[in-house]
Amino acid sequence: MSRQLISSEKFPPKPHNCPAVKVPGLVFCAGQTATGEIKQATVSLHMQQYTTSNNHPDAKPSSVQRTVLQNLKEVLELAGSSLEQVVKYNVYLADMKDFAAMNEVYIDFLPKPMPSRSCLQALPPGDGTVIEIECIAQV
């Protein structure tokens, strides 16, 4: 079975994984998180550290989740797939109190009908990540 590693300048491979792996008929996307300024601002917001420099206007849970889903959409497109072709999402939250906000954005952002999904609370890696989403999609 052939296997193609998917990456780009925006989503570079890392020593321990790549953004996606494409096999005949399927693409497996690694977990995506928020990136850049929004993530850093939200880390501070989530940790209740309100300072002028960290109080970014987009630092709301809904903005972070939209950024994560947009990143996932872009990785899927690199692999020749789309959000419409996703068959399974795995959502990892640092705190389950964010579930309702995540679910609202999930329903609003993603195309219908919704695929299957799991949502788990997971210990964040220590970099302030509050949500990570991975998926499997048809190609």
N, C-alpha and C. Protein backbone atom coordinates (compact mmCIF):
# COMPACT_ATOMS: atom_id res chain seq x y z
N MET A 1 0.84 -1.17 0.00
CA MET A 1 0.00 0.00 0.00
C MET A 1 0.89 1.24 0.00
N SER A 2 0.59 2.17 -0.91
CA SER A 2 1.38 3.40 -0.96
C SER A 2 0.94 4.36 0.15
N ARG A 3 1.87 5.18 0.56
CA ARG A 3 1.63 6.12 1.66
C ARG A 3 2.30 7.43 1.30
N GLN A 4 1.55 8.53 1.37
CA GLN A 4 2.08 9.85 1.04
C GLN A 4 2.00 10.74 2.28
N LEU A 5 3.14 11.32 2.66
CA LEU A 5 3.16 12.25 3.78
C LEU A 5 2.78 13.63 3.27
N ILE A 6 1.85 14.29 3.95
CA ILE A 6 1.33 15.59 3.54
C ILE A 6 1.87 16.67 4.47
N SER A 7 2.47 17.71 3.87
CA SER A 7 2.95 18.84 4.65
C SER A 7 3.08 20.04 3.71
N SER A 8 3.34 21.20 4.28
CA SER A 8 3.54 22.42 3.50
C SER A 8 4.39 23.38 4.33
N GLU A 9 4.65 24.55 3.78
CA GLU A 9 5.42 25.54 4.54
C GLU A 9 4.66 25.95 5.80
N LYS A 10 3.34 26.13 5.67
CA LYS A 10 2.53 26.52 6.84
C LYS A 10 2.39 25.36 7.83
N PHE A 11 2.32 24.14 7.31
CA PHE A 11 2.15 22.94 8.14
C PHE A 11 3.33 22.00 7.89
N PRO A 12 4.51 22.35 8.41
CA PRO A 12 5.71 21.54 8.14
C PRO A 12 5.71 20.22 8.93
N PRO A 13 6.42 19.23 8.41
CA PRO A 13 6.56 17.99 9.17
C PRO A 13 7.43 18.25 10.40
N LYS A 14 7.22 17.47 11.42
CA LYS A 14 8.03 17.56 12.64
C LYS A 14 8.81 16.26 12.76
N PRO A 15 9.82 16.22 13.60
CA PRO A 15 10.61 14.99 13.72
C PRO A 15 9.77 13.78 14.14
N HIS A 16 8.71 14.01 14.89
CA HIS A 16 7.92 12.90 15.42
C HIS A 16 6.61 12.64 14.68
N ASN A 17 6.20 13.52 13.75
CA ASN A 17 4.98 13.28 12.97
C ASN A 17 4.88 14.27 11.82
N CYS A 18 3.86 14.07 10.98
CA CYS A 18 3.59 15.01 9.90
C CYS A 18 2.11 15.41 10.00
N PRO A 19 1.71 16.51 9.34
CA PRO A 19 0.33 16.97 9.45
C PRO A 19 -0.72 15.97 8.98
N ALA A 20 -0.38 15.17 7.97
CA ALA A 20 -1.34 14.17 7.48
C ALA A 20 -0.62 13.07 6.72
N VAL A 21 -1.26 11.92 6.67
CA VAL A 21 -0.77 10.79 5.88
C VAL A 21 -1.92 10.34 5.00
N LYS A 22 -1.62 10.25 3.70
CA LYS A 22 -2.63 9.86 2.72
C LYS A 22 -2.32 8.45 2.24
N VAL A 23 -3.33 7.59 2.28
CA VAL A 23 -3.26 6.24 1.73
C VAL A 23 -4.41 6.12 0.74
N PRO A 24 -4.42 5.12 -0.12
CA PRO A 24 -5.50 5.03 -1.10
C PRO A 24 -6.89 5.14 -0.45
N GLY A 25 -7.60 6.20 -0.82
CA GLY A 25 -8.97 6.40 -0.37
C GLY A 25 -9.15 7.14 0.94
N LEU A 26 -8.09 7.32 1.72
CA LEU A 26 -8.22 7.95 3.03
C LEU A 26 -7.07 8.90 3.33
N VAL A 27 -7.35 9.89 4.18
CA VAL A 27 -6.31 10.74 4.73
C VAL A 27 -6.51 10.80 6.25
N PHE A 28 -5.41 10.63 6.97
CA PHE A 28 -5.39 10.66 8.43
C PHE A 28 -4.68 11.95 8.84
N CYS A 29 -5.43 12.88 9.43
CA CYS A 29 -4.85 14.17 9.84
C CYS A 29 -4.44 14.14 11.30
N ALA A 30 -3.22 14.56 11.55
CA ALA A 30 -2.74 14.69 12.92
C ALA A 30 -3.53 15.79 13.62
N GLY A 31 -3.50 15.78 14.93
CA GLY A 31 -4.22 16.79 15.69
C GLY A 31 -3.74 18.19 15.35
N GLN A 32 -4.70 19.09 15.11
CA GLN A 32 -4.39 20.49 14.84
C GLN A 32 -4.75 21.31 16.06
N THR A 33 -3.96 22.32 16.32
CA THR A 33 -4.21 23.26 17.41
C THR A 33 -4.25 24.66 16.83
N ALA A 34 -4.56 25.65 17.66
CA ALA A 34 -4.50 27.04 17.21
C ALA A 34 -3.04 27.42 17.08
N THR A 35 -2.76 28.38 16.22
CA THR A 35 -1.37 28.80 16.01
C THR A 35 -1.24 30.30 16.19
N GLY A 36 -0.03 30.74 16.43
CA GLY A 36 0.30 32.16 16.42
C GLY A 36 -0.34 32.97 17.52
N GLU A 37 -0.65 34.21 17.18
CA GLU A 37 -1.08 35.21 18.15
C GLU A 37 -2.36 34.81 18.89
N ILE A 38 -3.32 34.24 18.18
CA ILE A 38 -4.58 33.87 18.83
C ILE A 38 -4.32 32.83 19.91
N LYS A 39 -3.50 31.83 19.60
CA LYS A 39 -3.21 30.79 20.59
C LYS A 39 -2.54 31.40 21.82
N GLN A 40 -1.55 32.23 21.62
CA GLN A 40 -0.83 32.80 22.75
C GLN A 40 -1.75 33.67 23.61
N ALA A 41 -2.62 34.44 22.97
CA ALA A 41 -3.54 35.28 23.73
C ALA A 41 -4.54 34.42 24.49
N THR A 42 -5.01 33.37 23.87
CA THR A 42 -6.00 32.51 24.52
C THR A 42 -5.39 31.74 25.67
N VAL A 43 -4.15 31.36 25.55
CA VAL A 43 -3.48 30.69 26.67
C VAL A 43 -3.56 31.60 27.89
N SER A 44 -3.26 32.85 27.72
CA SER A 44 -3.31 33.79 28.84
C SER A 44 -4.73 33.96 29.34
N LEU A 45 -5.69 34.04 28.44
CA LEU A 45 -7.08 34.18 28.83
C LEU A 45 -7.55 32.95 29.60
N HIS A 46 -7.21 31.79 29.09
CA HIS A 46 -7.62 30.55 29.73
C HIS A 46 -7.01 30.40 31.11
N MET A 47 -5.81 30.88 31.28
CA MET A 47 -5.12 30.77 32.57
C MET A 47 -5.47 31.94 33.50
N GLN A 48 -6.42 32.77 33.08
CA GLN A 48 -6.86 33.91 33.89
C GLN A 48 -5.74 34.92 34.13
N GLN A 49 -4.85 35.08 33.17
CA GLN A 49 -3.77 36.06 33.27
C GLN A 49 -4.11 37.23 32.36
N TYR A 50 -4.91 38.14 32.84
CA TYR A 50 -5.36 39.25 32.03
C TYR A 50 -4.37 40.40 32.11
N THR A 51 -3.60 40.56 31.06
CA THR A 51 -2.70 41.70 30.97
C THR A 51 -2.97 42.39 29.66
N THR A 52 -2.59 43.64 29.55
CA THR A 52 -2.85 44.40 28.33
C THR A 52 -2.21 43.73 27.12
N SER A 53 -0.99 43.25 27.24
CA SER A 53 -0.30 42.66 26.10
C SER A 53 -0.91 41.32 25.68
N ASN A 54 -1.55 40.62 26.59
CA ASN A 54 -2.12 39.32 26.26
C ASN A 54 -3.62 39.36 25.99
N ASN A 55 -4.24 40.50 26.14
CA ASN A 55 -5.69 40.58 25.99
C ASN A 55 -6.05 40.84 24.53
N HIS A 56 -5.72 39.91 23.66
CA HIS A 56 -5.99 39.99 22.24
C HIS A 56 -7.49 39.90 22.00
N PRO A 57 -8.06 40.73 21.10
CA PRO A 57 -9.51 40.71 20.90
C PRO A 57 -10.05 39.37 20.39
N ASP A 58 -9.22 38.57 19.72
CA ASP A 58 -9.68 37.28 19.21
C ASP A 58 -9.46 36.15 20.20
N ALA A 59 -9.05 36.46 21.42
CA ALA A 59 -8.73 35.43 22.40
C ALA A 59 -9.98 34.95 23.12
N LYS A 60 -10.91 34.40 22.35
CA LYS A 60 -12.12 33.81 22.91
C LYS A 60 -12.10 32.34 22.55
N PRO A 61 -12.68 31.49 23.37
CA PRO A 61 -12.69 30.06 23.02
C PRO A 61 -13.22 29.80 21.61
N SER A 62 -14.26 30.53 21.19
CA SER A 62 -14.81 30.30 19.86
C SER A 62 -13.80 30.65 18.77
N SER A 63 -12.98 31.69 18.97
CA SER A 63 -11.96 32.05 17.98
C SER A 63 -10.89 30.97 17.88
N VAL A 64 -10.49 30.43 19.01
CA VAL A 64 -9.49 29.36 19.01
C VAL A 64 -10.03 28.15 18.27
N GLN A 65 -11.25 27.76 18.56
CA GLN A 65 -11.83 26.58 17.91
C GLN A 65 -11.98 26.78 16.41
N ARG A 66 -12.38 27.98 16.00
CA ARG A 66 -12.48 28.26 14.56
C ARG A 66 -11.10 28.18 13.90
N THR A 67 -10.07 28.68 14.59
CA THR A 67 -8.71 28.60 14.05
C THR A 67 -8.28 27.14 13.90
N VAL A 68 -8.56 26.32 14.89
CA VAL A 68 -8.21 24.90 14.84
C VAL A 68 -8.92 24.24 13.66
N LEU A 69 -10.22 24.49 13.50
CA LEU A 69 -10.97 23.88 12.40
C LEU A 69 -10.51 24.40 11.05
N GLN A 70 -10.17 25.68 10.96
CA GLN A 70 -9.64 26.23 9.71
C GLN A 70 -8.30 25.58 9.36
N ASN A 71 -7.43 25.37 10.35
CA ASN A 71 -6.17 24.69 10.12
C ASN A 71 -6.41 23.27 9.60
N LEU A 72 -7.35 22.57 10.22
CA LEU A 72 -7.68 21.21 9.80
C LEU A 72 -8.21 21.21 8.36
N LYS A 73 -9.05 22.17 8.03
CA LYS A 73 -9.58 22.31 6.67
C LYS A 73 -8.44 22.46 5.66
N GLU A 74 -7.47 23.30 5.99
CA GLU A 74 -6.35 23.54 5.08
C GLU A 74 -5.49 22.29 4.91
N VAL A 75 -5.26 21.54 5.96
CA VAL A 75 -4.49 20.30 5.85
C VAL A 75 -5.25 19.29 4.99
N LEU A 76 -6.55 19.18 5.19
CA LEU A 76 -7.36 18.27 4.36
C LEU A 76 -7.25 18.66 2.88
N GLU A 77 -7.33 19.95 2.59
CA GLU A 77 -7.24 20.41 1.21
C GLU A 77 -5.87 20.11 0.61
N LEU A 78 -4.80 20.20 1.40
CA LEU A 78 -3.47 19.82 0.91
C LEU A 78 -3.44 18.36 0.46
N ALA A 79 -4.24 17.54 1.12
CA ALA A 79 -4.28 16.11 0.82
C ALA A 79 -5.30 15.77 -0.27
N GLY A 80 -6.00 16.78 -0.80
CA GLY A 80 -7.00 16.53 -1.83
C GLY A 80 -8.35 16.12 -1.27
N SER A 81 -8.61 16.47 -0.03
CA SER A 81 -9.88 16.13 0.61
C SER A 81 -10.56 17.42 1.08
N SER A 82 -11.58 17.29 1.92
CA SER A 82 -12.31 18.45 2.41
C SER A 82 -13.06 18.10 3.69
N LEU A 83 -13.60 19.12 4.33
CA LEU A 83 -14.41 18.89 5.53
C LEU A 83 -15.64 18.03 5.23
N GLU A 84 -16.17 18.15 4.01
CA GLU A 84 -17.34 17.36 3.62
C GLU A 84 -17.04 15.87 3.55
N GLN A 85 -15.77 15.50 3.44
CA GLN A 85 -15.39 14.10 3.29
C GLN A 85 -14.90 13.46 4.60
N VAL A 86 -14.97 14.21 5.70
CA VAL A 86 -14.53 13.67 6.99
C VAL A 86 -15.53 12.60 7.46
N VAL A 87 -14.98 11.47 7.92
CA VAL A 87 -15.83 10.39 8.44
C VAL A 87 -15.72 10.26 9.96
N LYS A 88 -14.68 10.87 10.57
CA LYS A 88 -14.50 10.75 12.02
C LYS A 88 -13.63 11.88 12.54
N TYR A 89 -14.11 12.53 13.60
CA TYR A 89 -13.32 13.53 14.33
C TYR A 89 -13.01 13.01 15.72
N ASN A 90 -11.83 13.34 16.22
CA ASN A 90 -11.47 13.14 17.62
C ASN A 90 -11.13 14.52 18.16
N VAL A 91 -11.84 14.93 19.19
CA VAL A 91 -11.64 16.24 19.81
C VAL A 91 -11.06 16.03 21.20
N TYR A 92 -9.98 16.74 21.50
CA TYR A 92 -9.33 16.66 22.81
C TYR A 92 -9.39 18.04 23.46
N LEU A 93 -10.04 18.12 24.61
CA LEU A 93 -10.16 19.37 25.36
C LEU A 93 -9.30 19.31 26.62
N ALA A 94 -8.65 20.41 26.93
CA ALA A 94 -7.88 20.47 28.18
C ALA A 94 -8.83 20.49 29.37
N ASP A 95 -10.03 21.04 29.16
CA ASP A 95 -11.01 21.14 30.24
C ASP A 95 -12.40 20.92 29.65
N MET A 96 -13.14 19.96 30.17
CA MET A 96 -14.47 19.65 29.65
C MET A 96 -15.47 20.78 29.87
N LYS A 97 -15.14 21.77 30.68
CA LYS A 97 -16.04 22.91 30.82
C LYS A 97 -16.13 23.69 29.51
N ASP A 98 -15.19 23.46 28.59
CA ASP A 98 -15.21 24.11 27.28
C ASP A 98 -16.05 23.33 26.26
N PHE A 99 -16.67 22.22 26.67
CA PHE A 99 -17.40 21.37 25.72
C PHE A 99 -18.53 22.12 25.02
N ALA A 100 -19.37 22.83 25.76
CA ALA A 100 -20.52 23.51 25.15
C ALA A 100 -20.07 24.54 24.11
N ALA A 101 -19.05 25.32 24.44
CA ALA A 101 -18.53 26.31 23.49
C ALA A 101 -17.95 25.62 22.26
N MET A 102 -17.20 24.54 22.48
CA MET A 102 -16.64 23.78 21.36
C MET A 102 -17.75 23.24 20.48
N ASN A 103 -18.77 22.66 21.09
CA ASN A 103 -19.86 22.05 20.34
C ASN A 103 -20.61 23.08 19.50
N GLU A 104 -20.80 24.27 20.03
CA GLU A 104 -21.48 25.33 19.30
C GLU A 104 -20.71 25.70 18.03
N VAL A 105 -19.41 25.89 18.16
CA VAL A 105 -18.58 26.23 17.00
C VAL A 105 -18.53 25.05 16.03
N TYR A 106 -18.40 23.85 16.54
CA TYR A 106 -18.36 22.62 15.74
C TYR A 106 -19.60 22.55 14.85
N ILE A 107 -20.77 22.74 15.44
CA ILE A 107 -22.03 22.66 14.69
C ILE A 107 -22.12 23.78 13.67
N ASP A 108 -21.68 24.98 14.04
CA ASP A 108 -21.76 26.14 13.15
C ASP A 108 -20.76 26.06 12.00
N PHE A 109 -19.55 25.58 12.26
CA PHE A 109 -18.45 25.62 11.29
C PHE A 109 -18.50 24.48 10.28
N LEU A 110 -18.87 23.30 10.73
CA LEU A 110 -18.73 22.11 9.89
C LEU A 110 -19.97 21.83 9.05
N PRO A 111 -19.75 21.26 7.85
CA PRO A 111 -20.88 20.94 6.97
C PRO A 111 -21.72 19.79 7.53
N LYS A 112 -22.99 19.79 7.14
CA LYS A 112 -23.90 18.72 7.53
C LYS A 112 -23.98 17.72 6.38
N PRO A 113 -24.29 16.47 6.63
CA PRO A 113 -24.52 15.84 7.93
C PRO A 113 -23.19 15.64 8.66
N MET A 114 -23.28 15.67 9.96
CA MET A 114 -22.09 15.53 10.80
C MET A 114 -21.61 14.08 10.81
N PRO A 115 -20.29 13.89 10.75
CA PRO A 115 -19.74 12.54 10.87
C PRO A 115 -19.69 12.11 12.33
N SER A 116 -19.18 10.93 12.58
CA SER A 116 -19.02 10.48 13.97
C SER A 116 -17.93 11.31 14.65
N ARG A 117 -18.01 11.37 15.99
CA ARG A 117 -17.06 12.19 16.74
C ARG A 117 -16.89 11.62 18.14
N SER A 118 -15.68 11.71 18.63
CA SER A 118 -15.38 11.45 20.04
C SER A 118 -14.84 12.74 20.62
N CYS A 119 -15.14 12.97 21.90
CA CYS A 119 -14.60 14.15 22.58
C CYS A 119 -14.12 13.71 23.95
N LEU A 120 -12.84 13.96 24.21
CA LEU A 120 -12.22 13.52 25.46
C LEU A 120 -11.49 14.67 26.12
N GLN A 121 -11.40 14.61 27.44
CA GLN A 121 -10.53 15.53 28.15
C GLN A 121 -9.14 14.91 28.16
N ALA A 122 -8.15 15.72 27.81
CA ALA A 122 -6.77 15.23 27.75
C ALA A 122 -5.84 16.23 28.41
N LEU A 123 -4.84 15.74 29.06
CA LEU A 123 -3.85 16.59 29.68
C LEU A 123 -3.09 17.34 28.59
N PRO A 124 -3.09 18.68 28.60
CA PRO A 124 -2.40 19.42 27.55
C PRO A 124 -0.89 19.22 27.62
N PRO A 125 -0.20 19.41 26.49
CA PRO A 125 1.24 19.16 26.44
C PRO A 125 2.09 20.18 27.19
N GLY A 126 1.50 21.18 27.79
CA GLY A 126 2.29 22.15 28.54
C GLY A 126 2.56 23.44 27.80
N ASP A 127 2.10 23.52 26.54
CA ASP A 127 2.33 24.73 25.76
C ASP A 127 1.11 25.64 25.74
N GLY A 128 0.13 25.35 26.58
CA GLY A 128 -1.07 26.17 26.64
C GLY A 128 -2.18 25.73 25.72
N THR A 129 -2.02 24.62 25.04
CA THR A 129 -3.05 24.11 24.15
C THR A 129 -4.31 23.81 24.95
N VAL A 130 -5.45 24.33 24.47
CA VAL A 130 -6.72 24.08 25.15
C VAL A 130 -7.64 23.18 24.35
N ILE A 131 -7.36 23.02 23.04
CA ILE A 131 -8.15 22.13 22.20
C ILE A 131 -7.27 21.61 21.07
N GLU A 132 -7.46 20.35 20.72
CA GLU A 132 -6.79 19.73 19.58
C GLU A 132 -7.82 18.85 18.89
N ILE A 133 -7.85 18.92 17.55
CA ILE A 133 -8.80 18.12 16.78
C ILE A 133 -8.04 17.38 15.68
N GLU A 134 -8.32 16.09 15.56
CA GLU A 134 -7.77 15.27 14.47
C GLU A 134 -8.94 14.63 13.73
N CYS A 135 -8.67 14.14 12.52
CA CYS A 135 -9.75 13.53 11.77
C CYS A 135 -9.24 12.50 10.77
N ILE A 136 -10.19 11.72 10.28
CA ILE A 136 -9.98 10.78 9.18
C ILE A 136 -10.99 11.17 8.11
N ALA A 137 -10.53 11.27 6.87
CA ALA A 137 -11.42 11.67 5.78
C ALA A 137 -11.20 10.81 4.55
N GLN A 138 -12.23 10.75 3.73
CA GLN A 138 -12.10 10.10 2.43
C GLN A 138 -11.38 11.05 1.48
N VAL A 139 -10.73 10.47 0.49
CA VAL A 139 -10.06 11.28 -0.54
C VAL A 139 -10.74 11.01 -1.86
